[in-house]
Amino acid sequence: MSEHEQPEAPRGLATVRVIAMPADTNANGDIFGGWVLSQMDMAGGIAAVEQARGRVVTIKVDTMIFIRPVRIGDVLAVYTQVESIGRTSMKVHIEAWATRFITHVQEKVTDATFTFVAIDEQGRPRPIPRQIPGEEAVSAGALPSS
C-alpha cells in the first residue's frame, strides 16, 4: 500500500469524536489544520494519561501530513494506539478520520506519532508504571485475553 492509499479501517481505539463547526474554519472555508492537531493532541493525551496513570506532556509530533481537508459538518474521529513505552516517555500513533456530512463516507484525513512524557506534580519526568500482570492495556489497543 502506498503512503496515501486508504486503509480499510482506522487503527487503534476511538478516543475522541467531535463535529467540525463554522468557527473552526480558515479563510478557504476548510477546517484549520491546527484545530485538527489540537483534537489529536487531546486524544493522544487521554491515551497517554491512561497508560501513565497520571499527568503527561506532549513533547514531539512526528511527520504529520494532511491527506484530505475536514469540512464544516464533518464528524472528526480520532483513534489512538500506544506504540512503545520507555522509562518516562511513550509514543502514541494517532489517526484522524472524517465522517463526511450527509454522505457518511469515512476518510482518513491525517495521522502522526506523538511522544508524551509522564510528569510528577513538580513537572519533572517520572517513570511510567509497568503493566500489572493480567491487567488489560485498554489505552494500548490490546484486546482482552480469552
N, C-alpha and C. Protein backbone atom coordinates (compact mmCIF):
# COMPACT_ATOMS: atom_id res chain seq x y z
N MET A 1 0.84 -1.17 0.00
CA MET A 1 0.00 0.00 0.00
C MET A 1 0.89 1.24 0.00
N SER A 2 0.58 2.19 -0.85
CA SER A 2 1.37 3.42 -0.90
C SER A 2 1.02 4.31 0.29
N GLU A 3 1.83 5.34 0.49
CA GLU A 3 1.71 6.22 1.66
C GLU A 3 0.32 6.85 1.80
N HIS A 4 -0.34 7.18 0.68
CA HIS A 4 -1.61 7.90 0.77
C HIS A 4 -2.82 7.07 0.39
N GLU A 5 -2.68 5.74 0.23
CA GLU A 5 -3.83 4.89 -0.02
C GLU A 5 -4.64 4.75 1.25
N GLN A 6 -5.94 4.61 1.10
CA GLN A 6 -6.81 4.46 2.25
C GLN A 6 -6.72 3.04 2.83
N PRO A 7 -6.39 2.90 4.11
CA PRO A 7 -6.50 1.60 4.74
C PRO A 7 -7.99 1.27 4.90
N GLU A 8 -8.28 0.01 5.17
CA GLU A 8 -9.68 -0.41 5.26
C GLU A 8 -10.38 0.18 6.48
N ALA A 9 -9.66 0.34 7.58
CA ALA A 9 -10.29 0.81 8.80
C ALA A 9 -9.28 1.58 9.65
N PRO A 10 -9.77 2.42 10.54
CA PRO A 10 -8.87 3.14 11.43
C PRO A 10 -8.09 2.19 12.32
N ARG A 11 -6.90 2.61 12.71
CA ARG A 11 -6.03 1.83 13.58
C ARG A 11 -6.11 2.39 15.00
N GLY A 12 -6.37 1.54 15.97
CA GLY A 12 -6.42 1.97 17.36
C GLY A 12 -7.84 2.08 17.88
N LEU A 13 -7.94 2.72 19.05
CA LEU A 13 -9.23 2.90 19.71
C LEU A 13 -9.81 4.28 19.42
N ALA A 14 -11.12 4.34 19.18
CA ALA A 14 -11.77 5.63 19.02
C ALA A 14 -11.70 6.34 20.37
N THR A 15 -11.03 7.48 20.41
CA THR A 15 -10.78 8.17 21.67
C THR A 15 -11.52 9.49 21.77
N VAL A 16 -11.68 10.21 20.66
CA VAL A 16 -12.38 11.50 20.64
C VAL A 16 -13.23 11.56 19.38
N ARG A 17 -14.45 12.10 19.53
CA ARG A 17 -15.31 12.40 18.37
C ARG A 17 -15.87 13.79 18.56
N VAL A 18 -15.80 14.61 17.50
CA VAL A 18 -16.26 16.00 17.60
C VAL A 18 -16.72 16.46 16.21
N ILE A 19 -17.70 17.34 16.19
CA ILE A 19 -18.19 17.87 14.91
C ILE A 19 -17.44 19.15 14.56
N ALA A 20 -17.07 19.27 13.31
CA ALA A 20 -16.37 20.47 12.82
C ALA A 20 -17.40 21.58 12.59
N MET A 21 -17.16 22.71 13.24
CA MET A 21 -18.12 23.82 13.21
C MET A 21 -17.57 25.02 12.41
N PRO A 22 -18.45 25.93 11.99
CA PRO A 22 -18.02 27.09 11.21
C PRO A 22 -16.92 27.92 11.89
N ALA A 23 -16.94 28.01 13.20
CA ALA A 23 -15.92 28.81 13.92
C ALA A 23 -14.52 28.22 13.79
N ASP A 24 -14.42 26.97 13.33
CA ASP A 24 -13.14 26.28 13.22
C ASP A 24 -12.51 26.39 11.83
N THR A 25 -13.07 27.23 10.95
CA THR A 25 -12.61 27.30 9.56
C THR A 25 -11.52 28.34 9.33
N ASN A 26 -10.78 28.10 8.25
CA ASN A 26 -9.79 29.08 7.79
C ASN A 26 -10.42 29.94 6.69
N ALA A 27 -9.66 30.80 6.07
CA ALA A 27 -10.19 31.71 5.05
C ALA A 27 -10.68 30.98 3.80
N ASN A 28 -10.25 29.74 3.59
CA ASN A 28 -10.69 28.96 2.43
C ASN A 28 -11.99 28.20 2.70
N GLY A 29 -12.45 28.25 3.95
CA GLY A 29 -13.69 27.55 4.29
C GLY A 29 -13.48 26.13 4.78
N ASP A 30 -12.25 25.66 4.82
CA ASP A 30 -11.94 24.34 5.37
C ASP A 30 -11.60 24.50 6.85
N ILE A 31 -11.59 23.41 7.55
CA ILE A 31 -11.26 23.44 8.97
C ILE A 31 -9.75 23.65 9.13
N PHE A 32 -9.36 24.52 10.07
CA PHE A 32 -7.95 24.79 10.35
C PHE A 32 -7.21 23.49 10.68
N GLY A 33 -6.03 23.32 10.11
CA GLY A 33 -5.18 22.19 10.47
C GLY A 33 -4.83 22.19 11.94
N GLY A 34 -4.67 23.37 12.52
CA GLY A 34 -4.36 23.48 13.94
C GLY A 34 -5.48 22.96 14.82
N TRP A 35 -6.72 23.11 14.37
CA TRP A 35 -7.86 22.57 15.12
C TRP A 35 -7.80 21.05 15.10
N VAL A 36 -7.50 20.47 13.94
CA VAL A 36 -7.37 19.01 13.84
C VAL A 36 -6.22 18.53 14.74
N LEU A 37 -5.09 19.23 14.67
CA LEU A 37 -3.93 18.89 15.50
C LEU A 37 -4.30 18.92 16.99
N SER A 38 -5.06 19.93 17.41
CA SER A 38 -5.43 20.02 18.83
C SER A 38 -6.34 18.87 19.25
N GLN A 39 -7.23 18.43 18.36
CA GLN A 39 -8.09 17.28 18.68
C GLN A 39 -7.24 16.02 18.81
N MET A 40 -6.23 15.90 17.95
CA MET A 40 -5.33 14.74 18.02
C MET A 40 -4.51 14.76 19.31
N ASP A 41 -4.05 15.95 19.69
CA ASP A 41 -3.27 16.08 20.92
C ASP A 41 -4.12 15.73 22.14
N MET A 42 -5.38 16.16 22.14
CA MET A 42 -6.27 15.80 23.26
C MET A 42 -6.48 14.29 23.33
N ALA A 43 -6.74 13.67 22.18
CA ALA A 43 -6.96 12.22 22.16
C ALA A 43 -5.70 11.48 22.60
N GLY A 44 -4.55 11.89 22.08
CA GLY A 44 -3.30 11.27 22.49
C GLY A 44 -3.04 11.44 23.96
N GLY A 45 -3.39 12.62 24.49
CA GLY A 45 -3.23 12.87 25.92
C GLY A 45 -4.10 11.94 26.76
N ILE A 46 -5.32 11.67 26.30
CA ILE A 46 -6.19 10.73 27.01
C ILE A 46 -5.55 9.36 27.07
N ALA A 47 -5.07 8.86 25.92
CA ALA A 47 -4.43 7.55 25.88
C ALA A 47 -3.17 7.51 26.75
N ALA A 48 -2.38 8.59 26.68
CA ALA A 48 -1.12 8.64 27.44
C ALA A 48 -1.37 8.71 28.95
N VAL A 49 -2.37 9.49 29.37
CA VAL A 49 -2.71 9.59 30.80
C VAL A 49 -3.16 8.23 31.32
N GLU A 50 -3.97 7.52 30.53
CA GLU A 50 -4.41 6.19 30.95
C GLU A 50 -3.23 5.25 31.12
N GLN A 51 -2.30 5.31 30.18
CA GLN A 51 -1.13 4.44 30.24
C GLN A 51 -0.20 4.83 31.38
N ALA A 52 0.03 6.13 31.55
CA ALA A 52 0.97 6.62 32.56
C ALA A 52 0.35 6.68 33.95
N ARG A 53 -0.97 6.62 34.00
CA ARG A 53 -1.70 6.74 35.27
C ARG A 53 -1.37 8.05 35.98
N GLY A 54 -1.37 9.13 35.20
CA GLY A 54 -1.08 10.44 35.77
C GLY A 54 -0.78 11.45 34.68
N ARG A 55 -0.27 12.60 35.10
CA ARG A 55 -0.02 13.71 34.19
C ARG A 55 1.01 13.37 33.12
N VAL A 56 0.78 13.93 31.93
CA VAL A 56 1.72 13.80 30.82
C VAL A 56 1.80 15.13 30.09
N VAL A 57 2.87 15.30 29.33
CA VAL A 57 3.01 16.45 28.44
C VAL A 57 3.42 15.95 27.06
N THR A 58 2.97 16.68 26.05
CA THR A 58 3.36 16.37 24.67
C THR A 58 4.72 17.01 24.44
N ILE A 59 5.68 16.22 23.92
CA ILE A 59 7.00 16.81 23.65
C ILE A 59 7.38 16.76 22.17
N LYS A 60 6.66 15.96 21.37
CA LYS A 60 7.06 15.83 19.98
C LYS A 60 5.90 15.31 19.14
N VAL A 61 5.84 15.79 17.90
CA VAL A 61 4.90 15.28 16.90
C VAL A 61 5.74 14.91 15.68
N ASP A 62 5.64 13.66 15.26
CA ASP A 62 6.41 13.18 14.10
C ASP A 62 5.56 13.16 12.84
N THR A 63 6.08 13.71 11.77
CA THR A 63 5.58 13.58 10.41
C THR A 63 4.07 13.58 10.28
N MET A 64 3.50 14.72 10.42
CA MET A 64 2.05 14.87 10.24
C MET A 64 1.79 15.39 8.84
N ILE A 65 1.06 14.63 8.06
CA ILE A 65 0.72 15.02 6.69
C ILE A 65 -0.80 15.10 6.59
N PHE A 66 -1.29 16.25 6.13
CA PHE A 66 -2.73 16.40 5.93
C PHE A 66 -3.08 15.79 4.58
N ILE A 67 -3.83 14.70 4.60
CA ILE A 67 -4.16 13.94 3.39
C ILE A 67 -5.38 14.54 2.69
N ARG A 68 -6.38 14.90 3.48
CA ARG A 68 -7.62 15.46 2.96
C ARG A 68 -8.11 16.55 3.91
N PRO A 69 -8.88 17.51 3.39
CA PRO A 69 -9.41 18.55 4.29
C PRO A 69 -10.58 18.02 5.13
N VAL A 70 -10.81 18.70 6.24
CA VAL A 70 -12.00 18.48 7.05
C VAL A 70 -12.91 19.66 6.76
N ARG A 71 -14.20 19.39 6.64
CA ARG A 71 -15.15 20.45 6.27
C ARG A 71 -16.21 20.63 7.36
N ILE A 72 -16.87 21.75 7.32
CA ILE A 72 -17.95 22.04 8.27
C ILE A 72 -18.97 20.91 8.22
N GLY A 73 -19.36 20.44 9.40
CA GLY A 73 -20.37 19.39 9.50
C GLY A 73 -19.80 17.99 9.55
N ASP A 74 -18.53 17.83 9.17
CA ASP A 74 -17.90 16.51 9.27
C ASP A 74 -17.74 16.15 10.74
N VAL A 75 -17.85 14.87 11.05
CA VAL A 75 -17.53 14.40 12.40
C VAL A 75 -16.10 13.88 12.36
N LEU A 76 -15.25 14.48 13.16
CA LEU A 76 -13.85 14.06 13.24
C LEU A 76 -13.74 13.02 14.34
N ALA A 77 -13.24 11.85 13.99
CA ALA A 77 -12.99 10.79 14.97
C ALA A 77 -11.49 10.58 15.04
N VAL A 78 -10.96 10.58 16.26
CA VAL A 78 -9.52 10.44 16.46
C VAL A 78 -9.26 9.11 17.17
N TYR A 79 -8.38 8.33 16.57
CA TYR A 79 -8.05 6.99 17.06
C TYR A 79 -6.62 6.98 17.60
N THR A 80 -6.40 6.27 18.70
CA THR A 80 -5.08 6.23 19.32
C THR A 80 -4.64 4.81 19.58
N GLN A 81 -3.32 4.62 19.51
CA GLN A 81 -2.71 3.33 19.83
C GLN A 81 -1.32 3.58 20.39
N VAL A 82 -1.09 3.17 21.64
CA VAL A 82 0.23 3.30 22.24
C VAL A 82 1.15 2.34 21.50
N GLU A 83 2.21 2.89 20.91
CA GLU A 83 3.14 2.08 20.11
C GLU A 83 4.31 1.55 20.92
N SER A 84 4.87 2.41 21.79
CA SER A 84 6.02 1.98 22.59
C SER A 84 6.05 2.78 23.87
N ILE A 85 6.64 2.15 24.90
CA ILE A 85 6.74 2.78 26.21
C ILE A 85 8.18 2.66 26.68
N GLY A 86 8.75 3.81 27.02
CA GLY A 86 10.09 3.84 27.60
C GLY A 86 9.99 4.01 29.11
N ARG A 87 11.06 4.48 29.71
CA ARG A 87 11.05 4.66 31.17
C ARG A 87 10.12 5.80 31.58
N THR A 88 10.23 6.98 30.89
CA THR A 88 9.40 8.13 31.24
C THR A 88 8.56 8.63 30.07
N SER A 89 8.78 8.09 28.88
CA SER A 89 8.06 8.58 27.71
C SER A 89 7.39 7.44 26.95
N MET A 90 6.47 7.82 26.08
CA MET A 90 5.78 6.83 25.24
C MET A 90 5.45 7.48 23.90
N LYS A 91 5.33 6.63 22.89
CA LYS A 91 4.91 7.07 21.56
C LYS A 91 3.50 6.56 21.33
N VAL A 92 2.63 7.48 20.86
CA VAL A 92 1.24 7.15 20.59
C VAL A 92 0.95 7.46 19.12
N HIS A 93 0.54 6.43 18.37
CA HIS A 93 0.13 6.64 16.98
C HIS A 93 -1.29 7.18 17.01
N ILE A 94 -1.52 8.26 16.26
CA ILE A 94 -2.83 8.93 16.27
C ILE A 94 -3.29 9.14 14.83
N GLU A 95 -4.53 8.72 14.57
CA GLU A 95 -5.14 8.91 13.25
C GLU A 95 -6.40 9.73 13.41
N ALA A 96 -6.64 10.64 12.46
CA ALA A 96 -7.89 11.40 12.43
C ALA A 96 -8.66 11.02 11.18
N TRP A 97 -9.91 10.69 11.35
CA TRP A 97 -10.80 10.29 10.26
C TRP A 97 -12.02 11.19 10.27
N ALA A 98 -12.45 11.61 9.09
CA ALA A 98 -13.66 12.44 8.97
C ALA A 98 -14.79 11.60 8.42
N THR A 99 -15.91 11.63 9.12
CA THR A 99 -17.15 11.07 8.57
C THR A 99 -17.86 12.24 7.94
N ARG A 100 -17.97 12.17 6.62
CA ARG A 100 -18.46 13.31 5.85
C ARG A 100 -19.94 13.59 6.11
N PHE A 101 -20.24 14.89 6.25
CA PHE A 101 -21.60 15.36 6.48
C PHE A 101 -22.50 14.87 5.35
N ILE A 102 -23.65 14.40 5.68
CA ILE A 102 -24.70 13.90 4.79
C ILE A 102 -24.35 12.55 4.16
N THR A 103 -23.16 12.40 3.55
CA THR A 103 -22.85 11.14 2.85
C THR A 103 -22.44 10.02 3.80
N HIS A 104 -21.92 10.36 4.97
CA HIS A 104 -21.46 9.40 5.98
C HIS A 104 -20.27 8.57 5.50
N VAL A 105 -19.60 9.01 4.45
CA VAL A 105 -18.37 8.36 3.99
C VAL A 105 -17.27 8.69 4.99
N GLN A 106 -16.49 7.68 5.38
CA GLN A 106 -15.40 7.90 6.33
C GLN A 106 -14.07 7.91 5.59
N GLU A 107 -13.28 8.99 5.79
CA GLU A 107 -11.98 9.12 5.13
C GLU A 107 -10.92 9.52 6.14
N LYS A 108 -9.75 8.92 5.99
CA LYS A 108 -8.62 9.30 6.82
C LYS A 108 -8.14 10.67 6.36
N VAL A 109 -7.96 11.60 7.32
CA VAL A 109 -7.52 12.94 6.95
C VAL A 109 -6.08 13.23 7.36
N THR A 110 -5.58 12.58 8.40
CA THR A 110 -4.18 12.75 8.79
C THR A 110 -3.81 11.70 9.83
N ASP A 111 -2.52 11.52 10.01
CA ASP A 111 -2.02 10.71 11.12
C ASP A 111 -0.63 11.21 11.50
N ALA A 112 -0.21 10.81 12.69
CA ALA A 112 1.11 11.20 13.19
C ALA A 112 1.42 10.36 14.41
N THR A 113 2.67 10.41 14.83
CA THR A 113 3.07 9.78 16.08
C THR A 113 3.46 10.90 17.04
N PHE A 114 2.82 10.92 18.19
CA PHE A 114 3.08 11.91 19.23
C PHE A 114 3.89 11.24 20.33
N THR A 115 4.83 11.98 20.91
CA THR A 115 5.60 11.49 22.05
C THR A 115 5.15 12.27 23.28
N PHE A 116 4.83 11.53 24.33
CA PHE A 116 4.40 12.11 25.60
C PHE A 116 5.37 11.70 26.69
N VAL A 117 5.57 12.58 27.67
CA VAL A 117 6.41 12.29 28.83
C VAL A 117 5.52 12.35 30.07
N ALA A 118 5.63 11.33 30.93
CA ALA A 118 4.93 11.33 32.20
C ALA A 118 5.65 12.29 33.14
N ILE A 119 4.88 13.12 33.85
CA ILE A 119 5.50 14.08 34.76
C ILE A 119 4.86 13.97 36.16
N ASP A 120 5.64 14.42 37.15
CA ASP A 120 5.15 14.44 38.53
C ASP A 120 4.51 15.80 38.81
N GLU A 121 4.13 16.02 40.05
CA GLU A 121 3.45 17.27 40.43
C GLU A 121 4.33 18.51 40.26
N GLN A 122 5.65 18.32 40.23
CA GLN A 122 6.56 19.45 40.02
C GLN A 122 6.91 19.64 38.54
N GLY A 123 6.31 18.83 37.67
CA GLY A 123 6.57 18.94 36.24
C GLY A 123 7.83 18.23 35.78
N ARG A 124 8.42 17.40 36.63
CA ARG A 124 9.63 16.65 36.27
C ARG A 124 9.25 15.28 35.73
N PRO A 125 10.03 14.75 34.78
CA PRO A 125 9.75 13.40 34.26
C PRO A 125 9.71 12.38 35.40
N ARG A 126 8.79 11.43 35.26
CA ARG A 126 8.67 10.36 36.25
C ARG A 126 8.51 9.03 35.51
N PRO A 127 8.85 7.93 36.16
CA PRO A 127 8.71 6.63 35.49
C PRO A 127 7.24 6.31 35.19
N ILE A 128 7.03 5.65 34.06
CA ILE A 128 5.70 5.18 33.69
C ILE A 128 5.51 3.83 34.36
N PRO A 129 4.41 3.66 35.13
CA PRO A 129 4.18 2.36 35.78
C PRO A 129 4.10 1.24 34.76
N ARG A 130 4.66 0.12 35.09
CA ARG A 130 4.59 -1.05 34.21
C ARG A 130 3.24 -1.71 34.36
N GLN A 131 2.81 -2.37 33.32
CA GLN A 131 1.54 -3.08 33.30
C GLN A 131 1.55 -4.16 34.39
N ILE A 132 0.47 -4.25 35.15
CA ILE A 132 0.32 -5.30 36.15
C ILE A 132 -0.08 -6.58 35.41
N PRO A 133 0.56 -7.72 35.70
CA PRO A 133 0.20 -8.97 35.00
C PRO A 133 -1.30 -9.22 35.08
N GLY A 134 -1.88 -9.54 33.92
CA GLY A 134 -3.31 -9.82 33.84
C GLY A 134 -4.17 -8.59 33.63
N GLU A 135 -3.60 -7.40 33.75
CA GLU A 135 -4.35 -6.16 33.55
C GLU A 135 -4.44 -5.88 32.06
N GLU A 136 -5.62 -5.49 31.60
CA GLU A 136 -5.80 -5.18 30.19
C GLU A 136 -5.23 -3.81 29.86
N ALA A 137 -4.55 -3.73 28.74
CA ALA A 137 -3.97 -2.46 28.29
C ALA A 137 -4.95 -1.78 27.37
N VAL A 138 -6.00 -1.19 27.93
CA VAL A 138 -7.07 -0.58 27.15
C VAL A 138 -6.53 0.52 26.26
N SER A 139 -5.73 1.43 26.83
CA SER A 139 -5.26 2.56 26.03
C SER A 139 -4.29 2.13 24.93
N ALA A 140 -3.67 0.98 25.11
CA ALA A 140 -2.73 0.49 24.11
C ALA A 140 -3.42 -0.21 22.97
N GLY A 141 -4.73 -0.38 23.07
CA GLY A 141 -5.47 -1.02 22.00
C GLY A 141 -5.40 -2.53 22.07
N ALA A 142 -4.93 -3.08 23.19
CA ALA A 142 -4.84 -4.52 23.31
C ALA A 142 -6.23 -5.10 23.51
N LEU A 143 -6.45 -6.26 22.96
CA LEU A 143 -7.71 -6.94 23.14
C LEU A 143 -7.64 -7.80 24.38
N PRO A 144 -8.75 -7.92 25.12
CA PRO A 144 -8.75 -8.76 26.31
C PRO A 144 -8.42 -10.21 25.95
N SER A 145 -7.74 -10.87 26.84
CA SER A 145 -7.41 -12.29 26.64
C SER A 145 -8.67 -13.11 26.84
N SER A 146 -8.75 -14.23 26.07
CA SER A 146 -9.91 -15.11 26.26
C SER A 146 -9.53 -16.30 27.07
